[in-house]
Amino acid sequence: RRYLHIDTAAEIFTIYDRSYFFIFTSLSQRKMFFKEIQSLKPENLQFIIQKDVQQKFISKLQAKWSTGEMSNFEYLFWLNVLSGRSIHDLSQYPVYPWVICDYERDKIDFYDN
């Protein structure tokens, strides 16, 4: 994970719907942190994202989303996470599209609540 656009952070998501964002002073400290976690062999550890694992995870997300097992918001949330965005770093906050709900007018009124 990046922090202030520098590749020295890590984010952990728990089964209790919480996440923790760690910032390290160097990339080597972050690598030691992940090695320590892997050596503990936590029972619920699903994976530590690496590029090859990330593509498999995206495929699973796409399948869940396309079959309706996942909401649009949840799908966009995970795509933001996998692209390196986090709610814990304001310089890389997640991006969500505007949703238009009035399809009957020819022009969009941005001031109509």
PDB file of N, CA and C in Angstrom:
ATOM      1  N   ARG A   1       0.844  -1.173   0.000  1.00  0.00           N
ATOM      2  CA  ARG A   1       0.000   0.000   0.000  1.00  0.00           C
ATOM      3  C   ARG A   1       0.888   1.233   0.000  1.00  0.00           C
ATOM      4  N   ARG A   2       0.435   2.273  -0.644  1.00  0.00           N
ATOM      5  CA  ARG A   2       1.176   3.538  -0.683  1.00  0.00           C
ATOM      6  C   ARG A   2       0.636   4.489   0.381  1.00  0.00           C
ATOM      7  N   TYR A   3       1.515   5.304   0.905  1.00  0.00           N
ATOM      8  CA  TYR A   3       1.127   6.386   1.807  1.00  0.00           C
ATOM      9  C   TYR A   3       1.796   7.644   1.297  1.00  0.00           C
ATOM     10  N   LEU A   4       1.017   8.667   1.016  1.00  0.00           N
ATOM     11  CA  LEU A   4       1.515   9.899   0.398  1.00  0.00           C
ATOM     12  C   LEU A   4       2.305   9.570  -0.871  1.00  0.00           C
ATOM     13  N   HIS A   5       1.807   8.614  -1.616  1.00  0.00           N
ATOM     14  CA  HIS A   5       2.366   8.147  -2.896  1.00  0.00           C
ATOM     15  C   HIS A   5       3.732   7.470  -2.757  1.00  0.00           C
ATOM     16  N   ILE A   6       4.088   7.051  -1.544  1.00  0.00           N
ATOM     17  CA  ILE A   6       5.345   6.324  -1.324  1.00  0.00           C
ATOM     18  C   ILE A   6       4.982   4.911  -0.890  1.00  0.00           C
ATOM     19  N   ASP A   7       5.609   3.918  -1.477  1.00  0.00           N
ATOM     20  CA  ASP A   7       5.273   2.507  -1.266  1.00  0.00           C
ATOM     21  C   ASP A   7       5.838   1.985   0.066  1.00  0.00           C
ATOM     22  N   THR A   8       5.290   2.479   1.198  1.00  0.00           N
ATOM     23  CA  THR A   8       5.802   2.073   2.504  1.00  0.00           C
ATOM     24  C   THR A   8       4.712   1.776   3.521  1.00  0.00           C
ATOM     25  N   ALA A   9       3.492   1.516   3.083  1.00  0.00           N
ATOM     26  CA  ALA A   9       2.395   1.276   4.025  1.00  0.00           C
ATOM     27  C   ALA A   9       1.778  -0.098   3.775  1.00  0.00           C
ATOM     28  N   ALA A  10       0.946  -0.515   4.723  1.00  0.00           N
ATOM     29  CA  ALA A  10       0.231  -1.790   4.604  1.00  0.00           C
ATOM     30  C   ALA A  10      -1.157  -1.602   5.199  1.00  0.00           C
ATOM     31  N   GLU A  11      -2.125  -2.275   4.631  1.00  0.00           N
ATOM     32  CA  GLU A  11      -3.489  -2.209   5.156  1.00  0.00           C
ATOM     33  C   GLU A  11      -3.992  -3.634   5.346  1.00  0.00           C
ATOM     34  N   ILE A  12      -4.558  -3.861   6.502  1.00  0.00           N
ATOM     35  CA  ILE A  12      -5.060  -5.193   6.836  1.00  0.00           C
ATOM     36  C   ILE A  12      -6.565  -5.101   7.065  1.00  0.00           C
ATOM     37  N   PHE A  13      -7.312  -5.996   6.430  1.00  0.00           N
ATOM     38  CA  PHE A  13      -8.756  -6.071   6.585  1.00  0.00           C
ATOM     39  C   PHE A  13      -9.072  -7.304   7.418  1.00  0.00           C
ATOM     40  N   THR A  14      -9.926  -7.129   8.414  1.00  0.00           N
ATOM     41  CA  THR A  14     -10.247  -8.242   9.307  1.00  0.00           C
ATOM     42  C   THR A  14     -11.614  -8.829   8.984  1.00  0.00           C
ATOM     43  N   ILE A  15     -11.897  -9.985   9.561  1.00  0.00           N
ATOM     44  CA  ILE A  15     -13.202 -10.630   9.369  1.00  0.00           C
ATOM     45  C   ILE A  15     -14.288  -9.905  10.166  1.00  0.00           C
ATOM     46  N   TYR A  16     -13.896  -8.948  10.972  1.00  0.00           N
ATOM     47  CA  TYR A  16     -14.839  -8.171  11.780  1.00  0.00           C
ATOM     48  C   TYR A  16     -15.182  -6.825  11.127  1.00  0.00           C
ATOM     49  N   ASP A  17     -14.966  -6.708   9.812  1.00  0.00           N
ATOM     50  CA  ASP A  17     -15.254  -5.494   9.040  1.00  0.00           C
ATOM     51  C   ASP A  17     -14.491  -4.275   9.548  1.00  0.00           C
ATOM     52  N   ARG A  18     -13.271  -4.483   9.954  1.00  0.00           N
ATOM     53  CA  ARG A  18     -12.387  -3.388  10.354  1.00  0.00           C
ATOM     54  C   ARG A  18     -11.127  -3.468   9.494  1.00  0.00           C
ATOM     55  N   SER A  19     -10.508  -2.336   9.343  1.00  0.00           N
ATOM     56  CA  SER A  19      -9.226  -2.344   8.640  1.00  0.00           C
ATOM     57  C   SER A  19      -8.228  -1.506   9.423  1.00  0.00           C
ATOM     58  N   TYR A  20      -6.975  -1.863   9.256  1.00  0.00           N
ATOM     59  CA  TYR A  20      -5.890  -1.187   9.965  1.00  0.00           C
ATOM     60  C   TYR A  20      -4.840  -0.778   8.948  1.00  0.00           C
ATOM     61  N   PHE A  21      -4.401   0.453   9.036  1.00  0.00           N
ATOM     62  CA  PHE A  21      -3.453   1.029   8.098  1.00  0.00           C
ATOM     63  C   PHE A  21      -2.146   1.284   8.835  1.00  0.00           C
ATOM     64  N   PHE A  22      -1.076   0.650   8.391  1.00  0.00           N
ATOM     65  CA  PHE A  22       0.234   0.782   9.026  1.00  0.00           C
ATOM     66  C   PHE A  22       1.170   1.543   8.094  1.00  0.00           C
ATOM     67  N   ILE A  23       1.905   2.481   8.653  1.00  0.00           N
ATOM     68  CA  ILE A  23       2.861   3.254   7.868  1.00  0.00           C
ATOM     69  C   ILE A  23       4.259   2.956   8.411  1.00  0.00           C
ATOM     70  N   PHE A  24       5.144   2.569   7.512  1.00  0.00           N
ATOM     71  CA  PHE A  24       6.516   2.224   7.895  1.00  0.00           C
ATOM     72  C   PHE A  24       7.476   3.267   7.341  1.00  0.00           C
ATOM     73  N   THR A  25       8.639   3.358   7.944  1.00  0.00           N
ATOM     74  CA  THR A  25       9.622   4.333   7.473  1.00  0.00           C
ATOM     75  C   THR A  25      10.377   3.840   6.243  1.00  0.00           C
ATOM     76  N   SER A  26      10.310   2.533   5.986  1.00  0.00           N
ATOM     77  CA  SER A  26      10.997   2.004   4.805  1.00  0.00           C
ATOM     78  C   SER A  26      10.269   0.768   4.281  1.00  0.00           C
ATOM     79  N   LEU A  27      10.543   0.457   3.040  1.00  0.00           N
ATOM     80  CA  LEU A  27       9.957  -0.728   2.406  1.00  0.00           C
ATOM     81  C   LEU A  27      10.447  -2.005   3.088  1.00  0.00           C
ATOM     82  N   SER A  28      11.675  -2.014   3.548  1.00  0.00           N
ATOM     83  CA  SER A  28      12.214  -3.209   4.213  1.00  0.00           C
ATOM     84  C   SER A  28      11.485  -3.487   5.532  1.00  0.00           C
ATOM     85  N   GLN A  29      11.098  -2.439   6.255  1.00  0.00           N
ATOM     86  CA  GLN A  29      10.314  -2.645   7.480  1.00  0.00           C
ATOM     87  C   GLN A  29       8.962  -3.276   7.162  1.00  0.00           C
ATOM     88  N   ARG A  30       8.341  -2.809   6.080  1.00  0.00           N
ATOM     89  CA  ARG A  30       7.052  -3.380   5.675  1.00  0.00           C
ATOM     90  C   ARG A  30       7.205  -4.861   5.305  1.00  0.00           C
ATOM     91  N   LYS A  31       8.258  -5.193   4.595  1.00  0.00           N
ATOM     92  CA  LYS A  31       8.490  -6.593   4.221  1.00  0.00           C
ATOM     93  C   LYS A  31       8.682  -7.462   5.460  1.00  0.00           C
ATOM     94  N   MET A  32       9.409  -6.962   6.454  1.00  0.00           N
ATOM     95  CA  MET A  32       9.606  -7.712   7.703  1.00  0.00           C
ATOM     96  C   MET A  32       8.263  -7.906   8.415  1.00  0.00           C
ATOM     97  N   PHE A  33       7.413  -6.889   8.390  1.00  0.00           N
ATOM     98  CA  PHE A  33       6.084  -6.958   9.002  1.00  0.00           C
ATOM     99  C   PHE A  33       5.268  -8.092   8.380  1.00  0.00           C
ATOM    100  N   PHE A  34       5.257  -8.174   7.053  1.00  0.00           N
ATOM    101  CA  PHE A  34       4.500  -9.231   6.383  1.00  0.00           C
ATOM    102  C   PHE A  34       5.107 -10.608   6.603  1.00  0.00           C
ATOM    103  N   LYS A  35       6.422 -10.695   6.656  1.00  0.00           N
ATOM    104  CA  LYS A  35       7.057 -11.987   6.947  1.00  0.00           C
ATOM    105  C   LYS A  35       6.670 -12.472   8.338  1.00  0.00           C
ATOM    106  N   GLU A  36       6.613 -11.547   9.278  1.00  0.00           N
ATOM    107  CA  GLU A  36       6.222 -11.894  10.645  1.00  0.00           C
ATOM    108  C   GLU A  36       4.768 -12.384  10.688  1.00  0.00           C
ATOM    109  N   ILE A  37       3.904 -11.706   9.990  1.00  0.00           N
ATOM    110  CA  ILE A  37       2.496 -12.141   9.942  1.00  0.00           C
ATOM    111  C   ILE A  37       2.386 -13.532   9.321  1.00  0.00           C
ATOM    112  N   GLN A  38       3.082 -13.747   8.213  1.00  0.00           N
ATOM    113  CA  GLN A  38       3.036 -15.061   7.555  1.00  0.00           C
ATOM    114  C   GLN A  38       3.607 -16.147   8.451  1.00  0.00           C
ATOM    115  N   SER A  39       4.635 -15.841   9.227  1.00  0.00           N
ATOM    116  CA  SER A  39       5.236 -16.855  10.100  1.00  0.00           C
ATOM    117  C   SER A  39       4.298 -17.254  11.237  1.00  0.00           C
ATOM    118  N   LEU A  40       3.403 -16.352  11.635  1.00  0.00           N
ATOM    119  CA  LEU A  40       2.428 -16.672  12.681  1.00  0.00           C
ATOM    120  C   LEU A  40       1.326 -17.609  12.186  1.00  0.00           C
ATOM    121  N   LYS A  41       1.165 -17.664  10.870  1.00  0.00           N
ATOM    122  CA  LYS A  41       0.153 -18.503  10.215  1.00  0.00           C
ATOM    123  C   LYS A  41      -1.238 -18.332  10.842  1.00  0.00           C
ATOM    124  N   PRO A  42      -1.769 -17.107  10.802  1.00  0.00           N
ATOM    125  CA  PRO A  42      -3.102 -16.893  11.365  1.00  0.00           C
ATOM    126  C   PRO A  42      -4.139 -17.748  10.650  1.00  0.00           C
ATOM    127  N   GLU A  43      -5.073 -18.260  11.400  1.00  0.00           N
ATOM    128  CA  GLU A  43      -6.071 -19.200  10.877  1.00  0.00           C
ATOM    129  C   GLU A  43      -6.933 -18.580   9.779  1.00  0.00           C
ATOM    130  N   ASN A  44      -7.260 -17.305   9.915  1.00  0.00           N
ATOM    131  CA  ASN A  44      -8.161 -16.657   8.964  1.00  0.00           C
ATOM    132  C   ASN A  44      -7.448 -15.899   7.848  1.00  0.00           C
ATOM    133  N   LEU A  45      -6.140 -16.003   7.759  1.00  0.00           N
ATOM    134  CA  LEU A  45      -5.406 -15.284   6.715  1.00  0.00           C
ATOM    135  C   LEU A  45      -5.768 -15.876   5.361  1.00  0.00           C
ATOM    136  N   GLN A  46      -6.370 -15.054   4.508  1.00  0.00           N
ATOM    137  CA  GLN A  46      -6.729 -15.544   3.179  1.00  0.00           C
ATOM    138  C   GLN A  46      -5.577 -15.379   2.203  1.00  0.00           C
ATOM    139  N   PHE A  47      -4.995 -14.192   2.171  1.00  0.00           N
ATOM    140  CA  PHE A  47      -3.832 -13.977   1.320  1.00  0.00           C
ATOM    141  C   PHE A  47      -3.225 -12.621   1.614  1.00  0.00           C
ATOM    142  N   ILE A  48      -2.011 -12.487   1.214  1.00  0.00           N
ATOM    143  CA  ILE A  48      -1.351 -11.196   1.199  1.00  0.00           C
ATOM    144  C   ILE A  48      -1.253 -10.832  -0.275  1.00  0.00           C
ATOM    145  N   ILE A  49      -1.840  -9.700  -0.635  1.00  0.00           N
ATOM    146  CA  ILE A  49      -1.988  -9.376  -2.056  1.00  0.00           C
ATOM    147  C   ILE A  49      -0.636  -9.234  -2.737  1.00  0.00           C
ATOM    148  N   GLN A  50      -0.507 -10.014  -3.775  1.00  0.00           N
ATOM    149  CA  GLN A  50       0.616  -9.915  -4.683  1.00  0.00           C
ATOM    150  C   GLN A  50      -0.005  -9.851  -6.067  1.00  0.00           C
ATOM    151  N   LYS A  51       0.729  -9.452  -7.066  1.00  0.00           N
ATOM    152  CA  LYS A  51       0.143  -9.211  -8.379  1.00  0.00           C
ATOM    153  C   LYS A  51      -0.611 -10.417  -8.945  1.00  0.00           C
ATOM    154  N   ASP A  52      -0.062 -11.629  -8.856  1.00  0.00           N
ATOM    155  CA  ASP A  52      -0.745 -12.799  -9.404  1.00  0.00           C
ATOM    156  C   ASP A  52      -2.010 -13.134  -8.617  1.00  0.00           C
ATOM    157  N   VAL A  53      -1.968 -12.980  -7.306  1.00  0.00           N
ATOM    158  CA  VAL A  53      -3.139 -13.238  -6.462  1.00  0.00           C
ATOM    159  C   VAL A  53      -4.193 -12.169  -6.697  1.00  0.00           C
ATOM    160  N   GLN A  54      -3.758 -10.939  -6.930  1.00  0.00           N
ATOM    161  CA  GLN A  54      -4.674  -9.828  -7.135  1.00  0.00           C
ATOM    162  C   GLN A  54      -5.564 -10.088  -8.349  1.00  0.00           C
ATOM    163  N   GLN A  55      -5.020 -10.587  -9.449  1.00  0.00           N
ATOM    164  CA  GLN A  55      -5.817 -10.843 -10.651  1.00  0.00           C
ATOM    165  C   GLN A  55      -6.867 -11.918 -10.389  1.00  0.00           C
ATOM    166  N   LYS A  56      -6.537 -12.948  -9.634  1.00  0.00           N
ATOM    167  CA  LYS A  56      -7.508 -13.990  -9.289  1.00  0.00           C
ATOM    168  C   LYS A  56      -8.629 -13.408  -8.428  1.00  0.00           C
ATOM    169  N   PHE A  57      -8.269 -12.518  -7.506  1.00  0.00           N
ATOM    170  CA  PHE A  57      -9.254 -11.888  -6.636  1.00  0.00           C
ATOM    171  C   PHE A  57     -10.196 -11.007  -7.452  1.00  0.00           C
ATOM    172  N   ILE A  58      -9.682 -10.275  -8.431  1.00  0.00           N
ATOM    173  CA  ILE A  58     -10.513  -9.432  -9.295  1.00  0.00           C
ATOM    174  C   ILE A  58     -11.499 -10.291 -10.068  1.00  0.00           C
ATOM    175  N   SER A  59     -11.062 -11.445 -10.556  1.00  0.00           N
ATOM    176  CA  SER A  59     -11.958 -12.346 -11.279  1.00  0.00           C
ATOM    177  C   SER A  59     -13.100 -12.827 -10.381  1.00  0.00           C
ATOM    178  N   LYS A  60     -12.788 -13.127  -9.123  1.00  0.00           N
ATOM    179  CA  LYS A  60     -13.829 -13.545  -8.174  1.00  0.00           C
ATOM    180  C   LYS A  60     -14.795 -12.401  -7.901  1.00  0.00           C
ATOM    181  N   LEU A  61     -14.262 -11.192  -7.752  1.00  0.00           N
ATOM    182  CA  LEU A  61     -15.115 -10.027  -7.539  1.00  0.00           C
ATOM    183  C   LEU A  61     -16.064  -9.829  -8.712  1.00  0.00           C
ATOM    184  N   GLN A  62     -15.535  -9.920  -9.925  1.00  0.00           N
ATOM    185  CA  GLN A  62     -16.359  -9.732 -11.119  1.00  0.00           C
ATOM    186  C   GLN A  62     -17.472 -10.770 -11.184  1.00  0.00           C
ATOM    187  N   ALA A  63     -17.159 -12.006 -10.832  1.00  0.00           N
ATOM    188  CA  ALA A  63     -18.173 -13.065 -10.848  1.00  0.00           C
ATOM    189  C   ALA A  63     -19.264 -12.787  -9.819  1.00  0.00           C
ATOM    190  N   LYS A  64     -18.883 -12.400  -8.611  1.00  0.00           N
ATOM    191  CA  LYS A  64     -19.869 -12.098  -7.572  1.00  0.00           C
ATOM    192  C   LYS A  64     -20.738 -10.910  -7.958  1.00  0.00           C
ATOM    193  N   TRP A  65     -20.119  -9.891  -8.524  1.00  0.00           N
ATOM    194  CA  TRP A  65     -20.861  -8.688  -8.900  1.00  0.00           C
ATOM    195  C   TRP A  65     -21.834  -8.979 -10.041  1.00  0.00           C
ATOM    196  N   SER A  66     -21.366  -9.730 -11.036  1.00  0.00           N
ATOM    197  CA  SER A  66     -22.218  -9.997 -12.203  1.00  0.00           C
ATOM    198  C   SER A  66     -23.381 -10.923 -11.889  1.00  0.00           C
ATOM    199  N   THR A  67     -23.281 -11.708 -10.810  1.00  0.00           N
ATOM    200  CA  THR A  67     -24.393 -12.583 -10.433  1.00  0.00           C
ATOM    201  C   THR A  67     -25.266 -11.971  -9.341  1.00  0.00           C
ATOM    202  N   GLY A  68     -24.957 -10.733  -8.933  1.00  0.00           N
ATOM    203  CA  GLY A  68     -25.770 -10.045  -7.943  1.00  0.00           C
ATOM    204  C   GLY A  68     -25.448 -10.397  -6.499  1.00  0.00           C
ATOM    205  N   GLU A  69     -24.354 -11.126  -6.264  1.00  0.00           N
ATOM    206  CA  GLU A  69     -23.959 -11.487  -4.898  1.00  0.00           C
ATOM    207  C   GLU A  69     -23.271 -10.326  -4.184  1.00  0.00           C
ATOM    208  N   MET A  70     -22.972  -9.275  -4.934  1.00  0.00           N
ATOM    209  CA  MET A  70     -22.239  -8.132  -4.382  1.00  0.00           C
ATOM    210  C   MET A  70     -22.872  -6.858  -4.934  1.00  0.00           C
ATOM    211  N   SER A  71     -23.037  -5.856  -4.082  1.00  0.00           N
ATOM    212  CA  SER A  71     -23.618  -4.589  -4.524  1.00  0.00           C
ATOM    213  C   SER A  71     -22.619  -3.793  -5.369  1.00  0.00           C
ATOM    214  N   ASN A  72     -23.128  -2.810  -6.094  1.00  0.00           N
ATOM    215  CA  ASN A  72     -22.256  -1.937  -6.877  1.00  0.00           C
ATOM    216  C   ASN A  72     -21.255  -1.224  -5.970  1.00  0.00           C
ATOM    217  N   PHE A  73     -21.747  -0.747  -4.820  1.00  0.00           N
ATOM    218  CA  PHE A  73     -20.870  -0.035  -3.887  1.00  0.00           C
ATOM    219  C   PHE A  73     -19.734  -0.935  -3.392  1.00  0.00           C
ATOM    220  N   GLU A  74     -20.074  -2.165  -2.996  1.00  0.00           N
ATOM    221  CA  GLU A  74     -19.054  -3.091  -2.500  1.00  0.00           C
ATOM    222  C   GLU A  74     -18.044  -3.427  -3.586  1.00  0.00           C
ATOM    223  N   TYR A  75     -18.532  -3.629  -4.804  1.00  0.00           N
ATOM    224  CA  TYR A  75     -17.652  -3.926  -5.932  1.00  0.00           C
ATOM    225  C   TYR A  75     -16.687  -2.766  -6.173  1.00  0.00           C
ATOM    226  N   LEU A  76     -17.204  -1.522  -6.200  1.00  0.00           N
ATOM    227  CA  LEU A  76     -16.350  -0.352  -6.400  1.00  0.00           C
ATOM    228  C   LEU A  76     -15.383  -0.161  -5.236  1.00  0.00           C
ATOM    229  N   PHE A  77     -15.839  -0.468  -4.022  1.00  0.00           N
ATOM    230  CA  PHE A  77     -14.967  -0.384  -2.852  1.00  0.00           C
ATOM    231  C   PHE A  77     -13.739  -1.269  -3.045  1.00  0.00           C
ATOM    232  N   TRP A  78     -13.963  -2.534  -3.408  1.00  0.00           N
ATOM    233  CA  TRP A  78     -12.839  -3.460  -3.558  1.00  0.00           C
ATOM    234  C   TRP A  78     -11.936  -3.098  -4.742  1.00  0.00           C
ATOM    235  N   LEU A  79     -12.516  -2.587  -5.822  1.00  0.00           N
ATOM    236  CA  LEU A  79     -11.676  -2.141  -6.936  1.00  0.00           C
ATOM    237  C   LEU A  79     -10.783  -0.989  -6.498  1.00  0.00           C
ATOM    238  N   ASN A  80     -11.324  -0.075  -5.693  1.00  0.00           N
ATOM    239  CA  ASN A  80     -10.517   1.019  -5.155  1.00  0.00           C
ATOM    240  C   ASN A  80      -9.399   0.491  -4.272  1.00  0.00           C
ATOM    241  N   VAL A  81      -9.715  -0.472  -3.415  1.00  0.00           N
ATOM    242  CA  VAL A  81      -8.699  -1.065  -2.526  1.00  0.00           C
ATOM    243  C   VAL A  81      -7.592  -1.708  -3.346  1.00  0.00           C
ATOM    244  N   LEU A  82      -7.970  -2.484  -4.348  1.00  0.00           N
ATOM    245  CA  LEU A  82      -6.973  -3.182  -5.160  1.00  0.00           C
ATOM    246  C   LEU A  82      -6.144  -2.234  -6.022  1.00  0.00           C
ATOM    247  N   SER A  83      -6.682  -1.052  -6.288  1.00  0.00           N
ATOM    248  CA  SER A  83      -5.911  -0.087  -7.078  1.00  0.00           C
ATOM    249  C   SER A  83      -4.996   0.768  -6.209  1.00  0.00           C
ATOM    250  N   GLY A  84      -5.035   0.535  -4.885  1.00  0.00           N
ATOM    251  CA  GLY A  84      -4.135   1.251  -3.996  1.00  0.00           C
ATOM    252  C   GLY A  84      -4.771   2.409  -3.262  1.00  0.00           C
ATOM    253  N   ARG A  85      -6.068   2.586  -3.401  1.00  0.00           N
ATOM    254  CA  ARG A  85      -6.758   3.683  -2.712  1.00  0.00           C
ATOM    255  C   ARG A  85      -7.254   3.202  -1.359  1.00  0.00           C
ATOM    256  N   SER A  86      -7.315   4.105  -0.397  1.00  0.00           N
ATOM    257  CA  SER A  86      -7.726   3.743   0.955  1.00  0.00           C
ATOM    258  C   SER A  86      -8.409   4.916   1.632  1.00  0.00           C
ATOM    259  N   ILE A  87      -9.392   4.635   2.462  1.00  0.00           N
ATOM    260  CA  ILE A  87     -10.024   5.703   3.235  1.00  0.00           C
ATOM    261  C   ILE A  87      -9.083   6.219   4.322  1.00  0.00           C
ATOM    262  N   HIS A  88      -7.988   5.531   4.547  1.00  0.00           N
ATOM    263  CA  HIS A  88      -7.028   5.918   5.578  1.00  0.00           C
ATOM    264  C   HIS A  88      -5.959   6.886   5.078  1.00  0.00           C
ATOM    265  N   ASP A  89      -5.944   7.157   3.785  1.00  0.00           N
ATOM    266  CA  ASP A  89      -4.961   8.079   3.220  1.00  0.00           C
ATOM    267  C   ASP A  89      -5.700   9.084   2.344  1.00  0.00           C
ATOM    268  N   LEU A  90      -5.859  10.316   2.836  1.00  0.00           N
ATOM    269  CA  LEU A  90      -6.641  11.319   2.129  1.00  0.00           C
ATOM    270  C   LEU A  90      -6.060  11.680   0.766  1.00  0.00           C
ATOM    271  N   SER A  91      -4.776  11.441   0.556  1.00  0.00           N
ATOM    272  CA  SER A  91      -4.184  11.757  -0.739  1.00  0.00           C
ATOM    273  C   SER A  91      -4.547  10.705  -1.799  1.00  0.00           C
ATOM    274  N   GLN A  92      -5.103   9.587  -1.368  1.00  0.00           N
ATOM    275  CA  GLN A  92      -5.478   8.517  -2.305  1.00  0.00           C
ATOM    276  C   GLN A  92      -6.844   7.946  -1.936  1.00  0.00           C
ATOM    277  N   TYR A  93      -7.766   8.841  -1.606  1.00  0.00           N
ATOM    278  CA  TYR A  93      -9.091   8.438  -1.145  1.00  0.00           C
ATOM    279  C   TYR A  93      -9.846   7.736  -2.277  1.00  0.00           C
ATOM    280  N   PRO A  94     -10.713   6.776  -1.961  1.00  0.00           N
ATOM    281  CA  PRO A  94     -11.456   6.047  -3.001  1.00  0.00           C
ATOM    282  C   PRO A  94     -12.279   6.960  -3.908  1.00  0.00           C
ATOM    283  N   VAL A  95     -12.463   6.515  -5.140  1.00  0.00           N
ATOM    284  CA  VAL A  95     -13.222   7.255  -6.141  1.00  0.00           C
ATOM    285  C   VAL A  95     -14.509   6.497  -6.439  1.00  0.00           C
ATOM    286  N   TYR A  96     -15.631   7.216  -6.382  1.00  0.00           N
ATOM    287  CA  TYR A  96     -16.932   6.636  -6.720  1.00  0.00           C
ATOM    288  C   TYR A  96     -17.608   7.549  -7.731  1.00  0.00           C
ATOM    289  N   PRO A  97     -18.278   6.976  -8.722  1.00  0.00           N
ATOM    290  CA  PRO A  97     -18.929   7.807  -9.748  1.00  0.00           C
ATOM    291  C   PRO A  97     -20.204   8.461  -9.216  1.00  0.00           C
ATOM    292  N   TRP A  98     -20.589   9.539  -9.863  1.00  0.00           N
ATOM    293  CA  TRP A  98     -21.880  10.160  -9.570  1.00  0.00           C
ATOM    294  C   TRP A  98     -22.965   9.239 -10.098  1.00  0.00           C
ATOM    295  N   VAL A  99     -24.068   9.173  -9.391  1.00  0.00           N
ATOM    296  CA  VAL A  99     -25.178   8.330  -9.823  1.00  0.00           C
ATOM    297  C   VAL A  99     -26.322   9.235 -10.246  1.00  0.00           C
ATOM    298  N   ILE A 100     -26.773   9.045 -11.471  1.00  0.00           N
ATOM    299  CA  ILE A 100     -27.892   9.821 -12.003  1.00  0.00           C
ATOM    300  C   ILE A 100     -29.158   8.991 -11.829  1.00  0.00           C
ATOM    301  N   CYS A 101     -30.162   9.607 -11.209  1.00  0.00           N
ATOM    302  CA  CYS A 101     -31.399   8.840 -10.974  1.00  0.00           C
ATOM    303  C   CYS A 101     -32.587   9.392 -11.748  1.00  0.00           C
ATOM    304  N   ASP A 102     -32.430  10.497 -12.455  1.00  0.00           N
ATOM    305  CA  ASP A 102     -33.525  11.066 -13.236  1.00  0.00           C
ATOM    306  C   ASP A 102     -33.241  10.834 -14.714  1.00  0.00           C
ATOM    307  N   TYR A 103     -33.879   9.815 -15.277  1.00  0.00           N
ATOM    308  CA  TYR A 103     -33.637   9.454 -16.672  1.00  0.00           C
ATOM    309  C   TYR A 103     -34.731   9.977 -17.604  1.00  0.00           C
ATOM    310  N   GLU A 104     -35.683  10.755 -17.052  1.00  0.00           N
ATOM    311  CA  GLU A 104     -36.818  11.211 -17.857  1.00  0.00           C
ATOM    312  C   GLU A 104     -36.582  12.567 -18.506  1.00  0.00           C
ATOM    313  N   ARG A 105     -35.735  13.399 -17.939  1.00  0.00           N
ATOM    314  CA  ARG A 105     -35.461  14.727 -18.501  1.00  0.00           C
ATOM    315  C   ARG A 105     -34.344  14.651 -19.526  1.00  0.00           C
ATOM    316  N   ASP A 106     -34.382  15.602 -20.457  1.00  0.00           N
ATOM    317  CA  ASP A 106     -33.333  15.673 -21.476  1.00  0.00           C
ATOM    318  C   ASP A 106     -32.050  16.299 -20.940  1.00  0.00           C
ATOM    319  N   LYS A 107     -32.198  17.180 -19.929  1.00  0.00           N
ATOM    320  CA  LYS A 107     -31.041  17.850 -19.339  1.00  0.00           C
ATOM    321  C   LYS A 107     -30.995  17.535 -17.851  1.00  0.00           C
ATOM    322  N   ILE A 108     -29.805  17.453 -17.316  1.00  0.00           N
ATOM    323  CA  ILE A 108     -29.614  17.148 -15.900  1.00  0.00           C
ATOM    324  C   ILE A 108     -29.599  18.456 -15.111  1.00  0.00           C
ATOM    325  N   ASP A 109     -30.402  18.507 -14.052  1.00  0.00           N
ATOM    326  CA  ASP A 109     -30.418  19.659 -13.175  1.00  0.00           C
ATOM    327  C   ASP A 109     -29.616  19.281 -11.920  1.00  0.00           C
ATOM    328  N   PHE A 110     -28.402  19.808 -11.819  1.00  0.00           N
ATOM    329  CA  PHE A 110     -27.520  19.468 -10.714  1.00  0.00           C
ATOM    330  C   PHE A 110     -27.952  20.082  -9.389  1.00  0.00           C
ATOM    331  N   TYR A 111     -28.874  21.042  -9.444  1.00  0.00           N
ATOM    332  CA  TYR A 111     -29.338  21.702  -8.229  1.00  0.00           C
ATOM    333  C   TYR A 111     -30.655  21.126  -7.714  1.00  0.00           C
ATOM    334  N   ASP A 112     -31.228  20.171  -8.415  1.00  0.00           N
ATOM    335  CA  ASP A 112     -32.478  19.540  -8.003  1.00  0.00           C
ATOM    336  C   ASP A 112     -32.165  18.397  -7.038  1.00  0.00           C
ATOM    337  N   ASN A 113     -32.524  18.539  -5.786  1.00  0.00           N
ATOM    338  CA  ASN A 113     -32.261  17.484  -4.796  1.00  0.00           C
ATOM    339  C   ASN A 113     -33.394  16.526  -4.812  1.00  0.00           C
TER     340      ASN A 113
END
